[in-house]
Amino acid sequence: MAATAFVLRCAGAAVLALLFATWAGLDHPVWATVSALVVSQDRLGDTRRTLVWRLVATAAGIGIAVTIGSLLAGAGPGVTLGVVVAICAALARWRSNLRLSMWTAAIVLLTVAPGQSIAHAGVARGVEVSIGCLIGAALHQLAEVAVAGFQRRWGSTG
């Protein structure tokens, strides 16, 4: 039962995150989908912890990308990316739960559209990631309730 619930909620979270982000007109719905899967863990407590740290790491990555990207605007994308990832990697060495800040910072820098500010890209990626994380965590909570109800009704434990 638990394995089936995991498979179904991961697939459901990926699809719902994509559909919602596309419906909302977000620039890169892929990040909502990826984030829904990143937070989908085997146990509800693990999903909740991953949700919190994914959101914290996302905020850190966005803040670092926007700040350093703005300060090094004329330095070129390779230099800016290197400095941003180095700062996020140092942060991740201090607190391993912040490892995803490296991904977020790189994603923000690499998805700035022509004529778009880095701050706008940061906010947009933050919205996409947050939507995915919340959908993934919500489906896990709903799946836990559904599985518990099924087990109470039918007496199944497997």
C-alpha atoms as a PDB file:
ATOM      1  CA  MET A   1       0.000   0.000   0.000  1.00  0.00           C
ATOM      2  CA  ALA A   2       2.749   2.480   0.959  1.00  0.00           C
ATOM      3  CA  ALA A   3       4.729   1.855  -2.236  1.00  0.00           C
ATOM      4  CA  THR A   4       1.641   2.371  -4.390  1.00  0.00           C
ATOM      5  CA  ALA A   5       0.735   5.546  -2.513  1.00  0.00           C
ATOM      6  CA  PHE A   6       4.273   6.890  -3.024  1.00  0.00           C
ATOM      7  CA  VAL A   7       4.210   6.184  -6.759  1.00  0.00           C
ATOM      8  CA  LEU A   8       0.764   7.705  -7.224  1.00  0.00           C
ATOM      9  CA  ARG A   9       1.438  10.842  -5.198  1.00  0.00           C
ATOM     10  CA  CYS A  10       4.780  11.493  -6.912  1.00  0.00           C
ATOM     11  CA  ALA A  11       3.163  11.146 -10.330  1.00  0.00           C
ATOM     12  CA  GLY A  12       0.193  13.231  -9.203  1.00  0.00           C
ATOM     13  CA  ALA A  13       2.400  15.940  -7.691  1.00  0.00           C
ATOM     14  CA  ALA A  14       4.472  16.216 -10.857  1.00  0.00           C
ATOM     15  CA  VAL A  15       1.418  16.514 -13.088  1.00  0.00           C
ATOM     16  CA  LEU A  16      -0.523  18.873 -10.805  1.00  0.00           C
ATOM     17  CA  ALA A  17       2.478  21.156 -10.342  1.00  0.00           C
ATOM     18  CA  LEU A  18       3.013  21.315 -14.095  1.00  0.00           C
ATOM     19  CA  LEU A  19      -0.666  21.957 -14.820  1.00  0.00           C
ATOM     20  CA  PHE A  20      -0.988  24.633 -12.137  1.00  0.00           C
ATOM     21  CA  ALA A  21       2.220  26.430 -13.123  1.00  0.00           C
ATOM     22  CA  THR A  22       1.227  26.323 -16.794  1.00  0.00           C
ATOM     23  CA  TRP A  23      -2.290  27.542 -15.995  1.00  0.00           C
ATOM     24  CA  ALA A  24      -0.800  30.373 -13.917  1.00  0.00           C
ATOM     25  CA  GLY A  25       1.332  31.389 -16.907  1.00  0.00           C
ATOM     26  CA  LEU A  26       4.665  30.944 -15.146  1.00  0.00           C
ATOM     27  CA  ASP A  27       7.774  31.227 -17.329  1.00  0.00           C
ATOM     28  CA  HIS A  28       9.343  27.879 -16.422  1.00  0.00           C
ATOM     29  CA  PRO A  29       6.760  25.380 -15.091  1.00  0.00           C
ATOM     30  CA  VAL A  30       9.474  22.731 -15.065  1.00  0.00           C
ATOM     31  CA  TRP A  31      10.754  24.113 -11.745  1.00  0.00           C
ATOM     32  CA  ALA A  32       7.356  23.615 -10.130  1.00  0.00           C
ATOM     33  CA  THR A  33       7.388  19.997 -11.304  1.00  0.00           C
ATOM     34  CA  VAL A  34      10.958  19.353 -10.163  1.00  0.00           C
ATOM     35  CA  SER A  35      10.257  20.930  -6.770  1.00  0.00           C
ATOM     36  CA  ALA A  36       7.135  18.818  -6.259  1.00  0.00           C
ATOM     37  CA  LEU A  37       9.329  15.754  -6.735  1.00  0.00           C
ATOM     38  CA  VAL A  38      12.200  17.054  -4.592  1.00  0.00           C
ATOM     39  CA  VAL A  39       9.952  17.336  -1.540  1.00  0.00           C
ATOM     40  CA  SER A  40       8.258  13.957  -2.112  1.00  0.00           C
ATOM     41  CA  GLN A  41       9.852  11.649   0.439  1.00  0.00           C
ATOM     42  CA  ASP A  42       8.827   8.236   1.779  1.00  0.00           C
ATOM     43  CA  ARG A  43       7.660   9.465   5.183  1.00  0.00           C
ATOM     44  CA  LEU A  44       5.484  12.496   5.912  1.00  0.00           C
ATOM     45  CA  GLY A  45       7.915  13.890   8.492  1.00  0.00           C
ATOM     46  CA  ASP A  46      10.728  13.704   5.934  1.00  0.00           C
ATOM     47  CA  THR A  47       8.538  15.457   3.362  1.00  0.00           C
ATOM     48  CA  ARG A  48       7.805  18.239   5.830  1.00  0.00           C
ATOM     49  CA  ARG A  49      11.490  18.699   6.678  1.00  0.00           C
ATOM     50  CA  THR A  50      12.424  18.673   2.997  1.00  0.00           C
ATOM     51  CA  LEU A  51       9.696  21.228   2.277  1.00  0.00           C
ATOM     52  CA  VAL A  52      11.021  23.627   4.899  1.00  0.00           C
ATOM     53  CA  TRP A  53      14.648  23.285   3.840  1.00  0.00           C
ATOM     54  CA  ARG A  54      13.797  23.465   0.133  1.00  0.00           C
ATOM     55  CA  LEU A  55      12.024  26.773   0.709  1.00  0.00           C
ATOM     56  CA  VAL A  56      14.857  28.112   2.916  1.00  0.00           C
ATOM     57  CA  ALA A  57      17.520  27.026   0.408  1.00  0.00           C
ATOM     58  CA  THR A  58      15.499  28.551  -2.428  1.00  0.00           C
ATOM     59  CA  ALA A  59      15.288  31.884  -0.624  1.00  0.00           C
ATOM     60  CA  ALA A  60      19.036  31.783   0.080  1.00  0.00           C
ATOM     61  CA  GLY A  61      19.884  30.921  -3.514  1.00  0.00           C
ATOM     62  CA  ILE A  62      17.633  33.652  -4.880  1.00  0.00           C
ATOM     63  CA  GLY A  63      19.029  36.236  -2.461  1.00  0.00           C
ATOM     64  CA  ILE A  64      22.621  35.360  -3.294  1.00  0.00           C
ATOM     65  CA  ALA A  65      21.991  35.213  -7.064  1.00  0.00           C
ATOM     66  CA  VAL A  66      20.167  38.538  -7.136  1.00  0.00           C
ATOM     67  CA  THR A  67      22.659  40.326  -4.873  1.00  0.00           C
ATOM     68  CA  ILE A  68      25.866  39.034  -6.438  1.00  0.00           C
ATOM     69  CA  GLY A  69      24.390  39.029  -9.939  1.00  0.00           C
ATOM     70  CA  SER A  70      23.536  42.695  -9.560  1.00  0.00           C
ATOM     71  CA  LEU A  71      26.930  43.591  -8.093  1.00  0.00           C
ATOM     72  CA  LEU A  72      28.816  41.715 -10.832  1.00  0.00           C
ATOM     73  CA  ALA A  73      26.511  42.684 -13.701  1.00  0.00           C
ATOM     74  CA  GLY A  74      29.389  43.553 -16.038  1.00  0.00           C
ATOM     75  CA  ALA A  75      31.656  40.654 -15.080  1.00  0.00           C
ATOM     76  CA  GLY A  76      30.202  38.147 -17.526  1.00  0.00           C
ATOM     77  CA  PRO A  77      28.015  35.114 -16.904  1.00  0.00           C
ATOM     78  CA  GLY A  78      30.849  32.665 -16.180  1.00  0.00           C
ATOM     79  CA  VAL A  79      32.408  34.815 -13.483  1.00  0.00           C
ATOM     80  CA  THR A  80      29.050  35.647 -11.917  1.00  0.00           C
ATOM     81  CA  LEU A  81      27.940  32.010 -11.937  1.00  0.00           C
ATOM     82  CA  GLY A  82      31.242  30.878 -10.429  1.00  0.00           C
ATOM     83  CA  VAL A  83      31.120  33.400  -7.597  1.00  0.00           C
ATOM     84  CA  VAL A  84      27.452  32.713  -6.827  1.00  0.00           C
ATOM     85  CA  VAL A  85      27.866  28.942  -6.790  1.00  0.00           C
ATOM     86  CA  ALA A  86      31.027  29.250  -4.658  1.00  0.00           C
ATOM     87  CA  ILE A  87      29.154  31.306  -2.061  1.00  0.00           C
ATOM     88  CA  CYS A  88      26.233  28.860  -2.042  1.00  0.00           C
ATOM     89  CA  ALA A  89      28.612  25.882  -1.829  1.00  0.00           C
ATOM     90  CA  ALA A  90      30.310  27.458   1.192  1.00  0.00           C
ATOM     91  CA  LEU A  91      26.876  27.941   2.728  1.00  0.00           C
ATOM     92  CA  ALA A  92      26.067  24.275   2.011  1.00  0.00           C
ATOM     93  CA  ARG A  93      29.300  23.179   3.717  1.00  0.00           C
ATOM     94  CA  TRP A  94      28.137  25.060   6.799  1.00  0.00           C
ATOM     95  CA  ARG A  95      24.613  23.603   6.627  1.00  0.00           C
ATOM     96  CA  SER A  96      24.092  20.665   4.253  1.00  0.00           C
ATOM     97  CA  ASN A  97      20.337  21.279   4.116  1.00  0.00           C
ATOM     98  CA  LEU A  98      21.137  24.423   2.114  1.00  0.00           C
ATOM     99  CA  ARG A  99      22.741  22.463  -0.726  1.00  0.00           C
ATOM    100  CA  LEU A 100      19.809  23.226  -3.038  1.00  0.00           C
ATOM    101  CA  SER A 101      20.688  26.922  -2.818  1.00  0.00           C
ATOM    102  CA  MET A 102      23.398  26.150  -5.393  1.00  0.00           C
ATOM    103  CA  TRP A 103      20.797  24.825  -7.831  1.00  0.00           C
ATOM    104  CA  THR A 104      18.463  27.737  -7.258  1.00  0.00           C
ATOM    105  CA  ALA A 105      21.161  30.364  -7.666  1.00  0.00           C
ATOM    106  CA  ALA A 106      22.368  28.803 -10.905  1.00  0.00           C
ATOM    107  CA  ILE A 107      18.808  28.432 -12.196  1.00  0.00           C
ATOM    108  CA  VAL A 108      18.053  32.081 -11.435  1.00  0.00           C
ATOM    109  CA  LEU A 109      21.179  33.312 -13.216  1.00  0.00           C
ATOM    110  CA  LEU A 110      20.690  31.050 -16.225  1.00  0.00           C
ATOM    111  CA  THR A 111      17.015  31.829 -16.778  1.00  0.00           C
ATOM    112  CA  VAL A 112      17.087  35.619 -16.914  1.00  0.00           C
ATOM    113  CA  ALA A 113      15.263  36.410 -20.156  1.00  0.00           C
ATOM    114  CA  PRO A 114      16.472  39.218 -22.425  1.00  0.00           C
ATOM    115  CA  GLY A 115      15.208  42.516 -21.049  1.00  0.00           C
ATOM    116  CA  GLN A 116      14.285  40.934 -17.712  1.00  0.00           C
ATOM    117  CA  SER A 117      15.915  41.944 -14.437  1.00  0.00           C
ATOM    118  CA  ILE A 118      17.660  39.348 -12.335  1.00  0.00           C
ATOM    119  CA  ALA A 119      15.319  40.254  -9.466  1.00  0.00           C
ATOM    120  CA  HIS A 120      12.310  39.441 -11.634  1.00  0.00           C
ATOM    121  CA  ALA A 121      13.851  36.091 -12.583  1.00  0.00           C
ATOM    122  CA  GLY A 122      14.543  35.397  -8.905  1.00  0.00           C
ATOM    123  CA  VAL A 123      10.971  36.098  -7.865  1.00  0.00           C
ATOM    124  CA  ALA A 124       9.606  34.035 -10.763  1.00  0.00           C
ATOM    125  CA  ARG A 125      11.792  31.026  -9.902  1.00  0.00           C
ATOM    126  CA  GLY A 126      10.824  31.390  -6.240  1.00  0.00           C
ATOM    127  CA  VAL A 127       7.133  31.283  -7.134  1.00  0.00           C
ATOM    128  CA  GLU A 128       7.631  28.239  -9.375  1.00  0.00           C
ATOM    129  CA  VAL A 129       9.598  26.361  -6.706  1.00  0.00           C
ATOM    130  CA  SER A 130       7.160  27.291  -3.929  1.00  0.00           C
ATOM    131  CA  ILE A 131       4.150  26.123  -5.918  1.00  0.00           C
ATOM    132  CA  GLY A 132       5.779  22.780  -6.618  1.00  0.00           C
ATOM    133  CA  CYS A 133       6.906  22.290  -3.028  1.00  0.00           C
ATOM    134  CA  LEU A 134       3.480  23.076  -1.622  1.00  0.00           C
ATOM    135  CA  ILE A 135       1.703  20.802  -4.095  1.00  0.00           C
ATOM    136  CA  GLY A 136       4.099  17.932  -3.377  1.00  0.00           C
ATOM    137  CA  ALA A 137       3.710  18.313   0.392  1.00  0.00           C
ATOM    138  CA  ALA A 138      -0.078  18.706   0.170  1.00  0.00           C
ATOM    139  CA  LEU A 139      -0.443  15.535  -1.876  1.00  0.00           C
ATOM    140  CA  HIS A 140       1.656  13.647   0.655  1.00  0.00           C
ATOM    141  CA  GLN A 141      -0.574  14.840   3.477  1.00  0.00           C
ATOM    142  CA  LEU A 142      -3.705  13.851   1.526  1.00  0.00           C
ATOM    143  CA  ALA A 143      -2.207  10.457   0.664  1.00  0.00           C
ATOM    144  CA  GLU A 144      -1.448   9.782   4.333  1.00  0.00           C
ATOM    145  CA  VAL A 145      -5.055  10.557   5.260  1.00  0.00           C
ATOM    146  CA  ALA A 146      -6.384   8.393   2.413  1.00  0.00           C
ATOM    147  CA  VAL A 147      -4.139   5.428   3.226  1.00  0.00           C
ATOM    148  CA  ALA A 148      -5.014   5.626   6.937  1.00  0.00           C
ATOM    149  CA  GLY A 149      -8.725   5.716   6.074  1.00  0.00           C
ATOM    150  CA  PHE A 150      -8.359   2.758   3.730  1.00  0.00           C
ATOM    151  CA  GLN A 151      -6.466   0.769   6.357  1.00  0.00           C
ATOM    152  CA  ARG A 152      -9.069   1.537   9.030  1.00  0.00           C
ATOM    153  CA  ARG A 153     -11.892   0.519   6.753  1.00  0.00           C
ATOM    154  CA  TRP A 154     -10.365  -2.579   5.203  1.00  0.00           C
ATOM    155  CA  GLY A 155      -7.888  -3.565   7.914  1.00  0.00           C
ATOM    156  CA  SER A 156      -4.956  -3.591   5.516  1.00  0.00           C
ATOM    157  CA  THR A 157      -1.485  -2.907   6.922  1.00  0.00           C
ATOM    158  CA  GLY A 158       0.650  -3.644   3.853  1.00  0.00           C
END
